Amino acid sequence: MRIGTSSTVSSGESRPPQPTHLDALARQLVAQTAPLNWSDLARQYASGRLLGVARSLDLIVVGKAMHHDDSDQLVAWLKNKLVFTIDDRQAIKWQRIDACFWTVVIAPFVLIQHWTNND
């Protein structure tokens, strides 16, 4: 999991993001992140508003790129499937385990980053 400067404790549990050495927008986005289960996100999935973010990317960096409409960067991430739409197969898999995600809203989208080891 990567969110701003967040970390994972040794037990595997996620820690909230730690907003240090970040610009104002990054601090704002970190403050707006929230851990949610798939059951809390199913409605946004049904309306087509979810975008997945690969664990190799920083959720806040992706949020900033969307906020600034950095289409070149977003297209590159989409092309490389580092930012992706959620297909039905993946949604069903996450629903079965009620997967956990870090989330941040960049209207009209909700960016989600899976942070459990239950893939």
N, C-alpha and C. Protein backbone atom coordinates (compact mmCIF):
# COMPACT_ATOMS: atom_id res chain seq x y z
N MET A 1 0.84 -1.17 0.00
CA MET A 1 0.00 0.00 0.00
C MET A 1 0.87 1.22 0.00
N ARG A 2 0.48 2.19 -0.82
CA ARG A 2 1.22 3.45 -0.82
C ARG A 2 0.22 4.58 -0.81
N ILE A 3 0.27 5.37 0.20
CA ILE A 3 -0.54 6.58 0.28
C ILE A 3 0.33 7.64 0.89
N GLY A 4 0.64 8.65 0.15
CA GLY A 4 1.48 9.70 0.69
C GLY A 4 2.72 9.10 1.30
N THR A 5 2.86 9.26 2.59
CA THR A 5 4.01 8.68 3.29
C THR A 5 3.54 7.66 4.30
N SER A 6 2.46 6.95 3.99
CA SER A 6 1.92 5.98 4.93
C SER A 6 2.81 4.76 5.03
N SER A 7 2.52 3.95 6.03
CA SER A 7 3.30 2.73 6.21
C SER A 7 2.41 1.62 6.71
N THR A 8 2.96 0.42 6.70
CA THR A 8 2.23 -0.73 7.22
C THR A 8 2.96 -1.22 8.46
N VAL A 9 2.22 -1.45 9.52
CA VAL A 9 2.84 -1.95 10.73
C VAL A 9 3.19 -3.42 10.55
N SER A 10 4.03 -3.94 11.41
CA SER A 10 4.54 -5.30 11.23
C SER A 10 3.45 -6.37 11.24
N SER A 11 2.34 -6.11 11.88
CA SER A 11 1.27 -7.10 11.92
C SER A 11 0.50 -7.16 10.60
N GLY A 12 0.83 -6.27 9.65
CA GLY A 12 0.13 -6.25 8.38
C GLY A 12 -1.03 -5.28 8.35
N GLU A 13 -1.33 -4.66 9.48
CA GLU A 13 -2.42 -3.70 9.51
C GLU A 13 -1.95 -2.39 8.91
N SER A 14 -2.87 -1.70 8.28
CA SER A 14 -2.53 -0.44 7.64
C SER A 14 -2.59 0.70 8.65
N ARG A 15 -1.67 1.62 8.51
CA ARG A 15 -1.64 2.83 9.33
C ARG A 15 -2.19 3.97 8.50
N PRO A 16 -2.83 4.96 9.13
CA PRO A 16 -3.29 6.10 8.35
C PRO A 16 -2.10 6.85 7.76
N PRO A 17 -2.33 7.55 6.64
CA PRO A 17 -1.26 8.31 6.03
C PRO A 17 -0.68 9.33 7.00
N GLN A 18 0.61 9.57 6.89
CA GLN A 18 1.30 10.55 7.73
C GLN A 18 1.70 11.72 6.85
N PRO A 19 0.96 12.83 6.90
CA PRO A 19 1.20 13.94 5.97
C PRO A 19 2.39 14.82 6.36
N THR A 20 3.60 14.34 6.10
CA THR A 20 4.79 15.14 6.34
C THR A 20 5.50 15.39 5.02
N HIS A 21 6.12 16.52 4.87
CA HIS A 21 6.85 16.89 3.66
C HIS A 21 5.97 16.82 2.42
N LEU A 22 4.73 17.22 2.52
CA LEU A 22 3.81 17.20 1.40
C LEU A 22 3.35 18.62 1.10
N ASP A 23 3.02 18.89 -0.17
CA ASP A 23 2.48 20.20 -0.50
C ASP A 23 1.04 20.30 -0.01
N ALA A 24 0.45 21.47 -0.15
CA ALA A 24 -0.88 21.73 0.40
C ALA A 24 -1.94 20.78 -0.17
N LEU A 25 -1.93 20.55 -1.48
CA LEU A 25 -2.92 19.65 -2.08
C LEU A 25 -2.73 18.24 -1.56
N ALA A 26 -1.49 17.78 -1.49
CA ALA A 26 -1.23 16.43 -0.98
C ALA A 26 -1.71 16.30 0.45
N ARG A 27 -1.45 17.30 1.29
CA ARG A 27 -1.93 17.24 2.68
C ARG A 27 -3.45 17.18 2.72
N GLN A 28 -4.10 17.95 1.85
CA GLN A 28 -5.57 17.94 1.80
C GLN A 28 -6.08 16.55 1.38
N LEU A 29 -5.46 15.96 0.37
CA LEU A 29 -5.89 14.64 -0.08
C LEU A 29 -5.63 13.58 0.97
N VAL A 30 -4.48 13.65 1.64
CA VAL A 30 -4.20 12.69 2.72
C VAL A 30 -5.26 12.80 3.80
N ALA A 31 -5.65 14.02 4.14
CA ALA A 31 -6.67 14.22 5.17
C ALA A 31 -8.02 13.65 4.75
N GLN A 32 -8.25 13.55 3.45
CA GLN A 32 -9.53 13.05 2.94
C GLN A 32 -9.52 11.56 2.64
N THR A 33 -8.40 10.88 2.82
CA THR A 33 -8.38 9.44 2.58
C THR A 33 -9.15 8.72 3.68
N ALA A 34 -9.70 7.60 3.31
CA ALA A 34 -10.43 6.80 4.29
C ALA A 34 -10.33 5.33 3.91
N PRO A 35 -10.18 4.47 4.91
CA PRO A 35 -10.24 3.04 4.62
C PRO A 35 -11.70 2.60 4.54
N LEU A 36 -12.05 1.91 3.47
CA LEU A 36 -13.41 1.42 3.29
C LEU A 36 -13.37 -0.02 2.79
N ASN A 37 -14.40 -0.75 3.12
CA ASN A 37 -14.57 -2.11 2.61
C ASN A 37 -15.35 -2.06 1.30
N TRP A 38 -15.24 -3.15 0.54
CA TRP A 38 -15.94 -3.22 -0.73
C TRP A 38 -17.44 -2.98 -0.55
N SER A 39 -18.00 -3.50 0.52
CA SER A 39 -19.44 -3.33 0.75
C SER A 39 -19.82 -1.85 0.81
N ASP A 40 -18.89 -1.00 1.24
CA ASP A 40 -19.14 0.45 1.29
C ASP A 40 -18.95 1.10 -0.08
N LEU A 41 -18.30 0.40 -1.00
CA LEU A 41 -17.97 0.97 -2.31
C LEU A 41 -18.83 0.42 -3.44
N ALA A 42 -19.62 -0.59 -3.17
CA ALA A 42 -20.39 -1.26 -4.23
C ALA A 42 -21.29 -0.30 -4.99
N ARG A 43 -21.86 0.64 -4.31
CA ARG A 43 -22.76 1.61 -4.96
C ARG A 43 -21.99 2.47 -5.98
N GLN A 44 -20.78 2.91 -5.60
CA GLN A 44 -19.98 3.70 -6.53
C GLN A 44 -19.53 2.84 -7.72
N TYR A 45 -19.24 1.56 -7.45
CA TYR A 45 -18.89 0.65 -8.53
C TYR A 45 -20.06 0.54 -9.52
N ALA A 46 -21.25 0.36 -9.00
CA ALA A 46 -22.43 0.21 -9.85
C ALA A 46 -22.67 1.45 -10.71
N SER A 47 -22.28 2.62 -10.22
CA SER A 47 -22.48 3.85 -10.98
C SER A 47 -21.27 4.19 -11.86
N GLY A 48 -20.26 3.32 -11.87
CA GLY A 48 -19.11 3.52 -12.75
C GLY A 48 -18.14 4.58 -12.29
N ARG A 49 -18.13 4.88 -11.00
CA ARG A 49 -17.28 5.95 -10.48
C ARG A 49 -15.98 5.49 -9.83
N LEU A 50 -15.73 4.18 -9.77
CA LEU A 50 -14.51 3.70 -9.12
C LEU A 50 -13.38 3.56 -10.13
N LEU A 51 -12.19 3.97 -9.70
CA LEU A 51 -10.97 3.70 -10.45
C LEU A 51 -9.99 3.06 -9.51
N GLY A 52 -9.44 1.94 -9.92
CA GLY A 52 -8.43 1.26 -9.11
C GLY A 52 -7.06 1.86 -9.34
N VAL A 53 -6.24 1.82 -8.30
CA VAL A 53 -4.87 2.30 -8.37
C VAL A 53 -3.96 1.15 -7.92
N ALA A 54 -3.00 0.79 -8.77
CA ALA A 54 -2.07 -0.29 -8.43
C ALA A 54 -1.31 0.05 -7.15
N ARG A 55 -0.97 -0.97 -6.40
CA ARG A 55 -0.23 -0.76 -5.15
C ARG A 55 1.15 -0.15 -5.38
N SER A 56 1.67 -0.30 -6.58
CA SER A 56 2.99 0.26 -6.88
C SER A 56 2.96 1.78 -7.04
N LEU A 57 1.77 2.36 -7.16
CA LEU A 57 1.64 3.81 -7.27
C LEU A 57 1.24 4.41 -5.93
N ASP A 58 1.57 5.66 -5.76
CA ASP A 58 1.16 6.43 -4.59
C ASP A 58 -0.24 6.98 -4.86
N LEU A 59 -1.20 6.61 -4.05
CA LEU A 59 -2.58 7.04 -4.23
C LEU A 59 -2.69 8.56 -4.28
N ILE A 60 -1.93 9.25 -3.47
CA ILE A 60 -1.99 10.71 -3.43
C ILE A 60 -1.42 11.31 -4.72
N VAL A 61 -0.37 10.75 -5.25
CA VAL A 61 0.20 11.23 -6.52
C VAL A 61 -0.83 11.09 -7.64
N VAL A 62 -1.54 9.97 -7.66
CA VAL A 62 -2.58 9.77 -8.67
C VAL A 62 -3.71 10.78 -8.47
N GLY A 63 -4.11 10.99 -7.22
CA GLY A 63 -5.14 11.98 -6.93
C GLY A 63 -4.75 13.37 -7.38
N LYS A 64 -3.49 13.74 -7.14
CA LYS A 64 -3.01 15.05 -7.57
C LYS A 64 -3.02 15.17 -9.09
N ALA A 65 -2.62 14.11 -9.79
CA ALA A 65 -2.62 14.14 -11.25
C ALA A 65 -4.05 14.32 -11.77
N MET A 66 -5.00 13.63 -11.16
CA MET A 66 -6.40 13.79 -11.58
C MET A 66 -6.89 15.20 -11.26
N HIS A 67 -6.57 15.69 -10.08
CA HIS A 67 -6.99 17.04 -9.68
C HIS A 67 -6.47 18.08 -10.68
N HIS A 68 -5.23 17.90 -11.13
CA HIS A 68 -4.60 18.85 -12.05
C HIS A 68 -4.88 18.51 -13.52
N ASP A 69 -5.71 17.50 -13.76
CA ASP A 69 -6.08 17.06 -15.11
C ASP A 69 -4.83 16.79 -15.96
N ASP A 70 -3.89 16.06 -15.38
CA ASP A 70 -2.66 15.69 -16.08
C ASP A 70 -2.95 14.50 -16.98
N SER A 71 -3.57 14.79 -18.12
CA SER A 71 -4.05 13.72 -18.99
C SER A 71 -2.92 12.85 -19.55
N ASP A 72 -1.76 13.43 -19.82
CA ASP A 72 -0.65 12.61 -20.34
C ASP A 72 -0.26 11.54 -19.33
N GLN A 73 -0.13 11.93 -18.06
CA GLN A 73 0.25 10.96 -17.03
C GLN A 73 -0.86 9.94 -16.81
N LEU A 74 -2.10 10.40 -16.78
CA LEU A 74 -3.23 9.49 -16.56
C LEU A 74 -3.35 8.48 -17.70
N VAL A 75 -3.17 8.93 -18.93
CA VAL A 75 -3.23 8.02 -20.07
C VAL A 75 -2.13 6.97 -19.96
N ALA A 76 -0.93 7.39 -19.57
CA ALA A 76 0.17 6.43 -19.41
C ALA A 76 -0.16 5.39 -18.34
N TRP A 77 -0.68 5.84 -17.21
CA TRP A 77 -1.05 4.89 -16.15
C TRP A 77 -2.16 3.95 -16.62
N LEU A 78 -3.17 4.49 -17.31
CA LEU A 78 -4.26 3.66 -17.82
C LEU A 78 -3.73 2.64 -18.83
N LYS A 79 -2.87 3.09 -19.72
CA LYS A 79 -2.30 2.19 -20.74
C LYS A 79 -1.53 1.05 -20.09
N ASN A 80 -0.83 1.34 -19.01
CA ASN A 80 -0.03 0.33 -18.31
C ASN A 80 -0.81 -0.38 -17.20
N LYS A 81 -2.11 -0.11 -17.13
CA LYS A 81 -3.01 -0.74 -16.16
C LYS A 81 -2.59 -0.49 -14.71
N LEU A 82 -1.96 0.65 -14.48
CA LEU A 82 -1.61 1.06 -13.11
C LEU A 82 -2.77 1.82 -12.49
N VAL A 83 -3.58 2.45 -13.32
CA VAL A 83 -4.88 3.00 -12.95
C VAL A 83 -5.86 2.28 -13.86
N PHE A 84 -6.95 1.78 -13.30
CA PHE A 84 -7.80 0.88 -14.09
C PHE A 84 -9.25 0.95 -13.64
N THR A 85 -10.13 0.62 -14.59
CA THR A 85 -11.53 0.45 -14.25
C THR A 85 -11.67 -0.93 -13.62
N ILE A 86 -12.69 -1.10 -12.83
CA ILE A 86 -12.91 -2.36 -12.13
C ILE A 86 -13.85 -3.21 -12.98
N ASP A 87 -13.40 -4.39 -13.37
CA ASP A 87 -14.28 -5.26 -14.16
C ASP A 87 -15.15 -6.11 -13.22
N ASP A 88 -16.18 -6.71 -13.79
CA ASP A 88 -17.14 -7.48 -12.99
C ASP A 88 -16.48 -8.64 -12.25
N ARG A 89 -15.53 -9.31 -12.90
CA ARG A 89 -14.85 -10.44 -12.27
C ARG A 89 -14.13 -10.00 -11.00
N GLN A 90 -13.42 -8.87 -11.09
CA GLN A 90 -12.70 -8.37 -9.92
C GLN A 90 -13.68 -7.91 -8.84
N ALA A 91 -14.75 -7.27 -9.25
CA ALA A 91 -15.75 -6.79 -8.29
C ALA A 91 -16.35 -7.95 -7.51
N ILE A 92 -16.65 -9.05 -8.20
CA ILE A 92 -17.21 -10.23 -7.52
C ILE A 92 -16.21 -10.81 -6.54
N LYS A 93 -14.95 -10.88 -6.94
CA LYS A 93 -13.90 -11.39 -6.06
C LYS A 93 -13.78 -10.53 -4.80
N TRP A 94 -13.75 -9.21 -4.98
CA TRP A 94 -13.65 -8.31 -3.82
C TRP A 94 -14.91 -8.36 -2.96
N GLN A 95 -16.07 -8.56 -3.60
CA GLN A 95 -17.31 -8.66 -2.83
C GLN A 95 -17.29 -9.89 -1.93
N ARG A 96 -16.81 -11.01 -2.45
CA ARG A 96 -16.77 -12.25 -1.67
C ARG A 96 -15.97 -12.12 -0.39
N ILE A 97 -14.88 -11.37 -0.45
CA ILE A 97 -14.02 -11.23 0.74
C ILE A 97 -14.22 -9.89 1.45
N ASP A 98 -15.14 -9.07 0.94
CA ASP A 98 -15.36 -7.71 1.45
C ASP A 98 -14.00 -7.02 1.63
N ALA A 99 -13.26 -6.97 0.53
CA ALA A 99 -11.89 -6.43 0.52
C ALA A 99 -11.82 -5.02 1.08
N CYS A 100 -10.64 -4.68 1.59
CA CYS A 100 -10.39 -3.36 2.19
C CYS A 100 -9.56 -2.50 1.25
N PHE A 101 -9.86 -1.21 1.25
CA PHE A 101 -9.20 -0.26 0.35
C PHE A 101 -8.93 1.05 1.07
N TRP A 102 -7.87 1.73 0.63
CA TRP A 102 -7.72 3.14 0.94
C TRP A 102 -8.42 3.87 -0.19
N THR A 103 -9.14 4.92 0.13
CA THR A 103 -9.93 5.63 -0.87
C THR A 103 -9.69 7.13 -0.75
N VAL A 104 -9.85 7.80 -1.88
CA VAL A 104 -9.87 9.26 -1.90
C VAL A 104 -10.77 9.67 -3.06
N VAL A 105 -11.58 10.68 -2.82
CA VAL A 105 -12.52 11.16 -3.83
C VAL A 105 -11.87 12.28 -4.62
N ILE A 106 -11.86 12.11 -5.93
CA ILE A 106 -11.50 13.17 -6.87
C ILE A 106 -12.71 13.23 -7.80
N ALA A 107 -13.68 14.05 -7.42
CA ALA A 107 -14.99 14.07 -8.07
C ALA A 107 -14.84 14.15 -9.59
N PRO A 108 -15.62 13.36 -10.29
CA PRO A 108 -16.70 12.49 -9.82
C PRO A 108 -16.24 11.07 -9.48
N PHE A 109 -14.94 10.84 -9.44
CA PHE A 109 -14.42 9.49 -9.22
C PHE A 109 -14.01 9.25 -7.77
N VAL A 110 -13.98 7.97 -7.43
CA VAL A 110 -13.41 7.53 -6.16
C VAL A 110 -12.23 6.64 -6.53
N LEU A 111 -11.04 7.06 -6.11
CA LEU A 111 -9.85 6.24 -6.33
C LEU A 111 -9.75 5.23 -5.21
N ILE A 112 -9.49 3.98 -5.55
CA ILE A 112 -9.36 2.94 -4.54
C ILE A 112 -8.04 2.20 -4.72
N GLN A 113 -7.44 1.85 -3.60
CA GLN A 113 -6.20 1.08 -3.62
C GLN A 113 -6.33 -0.05 -2.61
N HIS A 114 -6.33 -1.26 -3.13
CA HIS A 114 -6.49 -2.46 -2.30
C HIS A 114 -5.29 -2.59 -1.37
N TRP A 115 -5.54 -2.84 -0.09
CA TRP A 115 -4.41 -2.91 0.84
C TRP A 115 -4.37 -4.15 1.70
N THR A 116 -5.19 -5.13 1.41
CA THR A 116 -5.08 -6.40 2.15
C THR A 116 -4.32 -7.40 1.30
N ASN A 117 -3.98 -8.51 1.90
CA ASN A 117 -3.28 -9.56 1.17
C ASN A 117 -4.22 -10.65 0.69
N ASN A 118 -5.51 -10.34 0.59
CA ASN A 118 -6.52 -11.34 0.23
C ASN A 118 -6.88 -11.31 -1.24
N ASP A 119 -5.93 -11.02 -2.10
CA ASP A 119 -6.23 -10.99 -3.54
C ASP A 119 -6.74 -12.33 -3.99
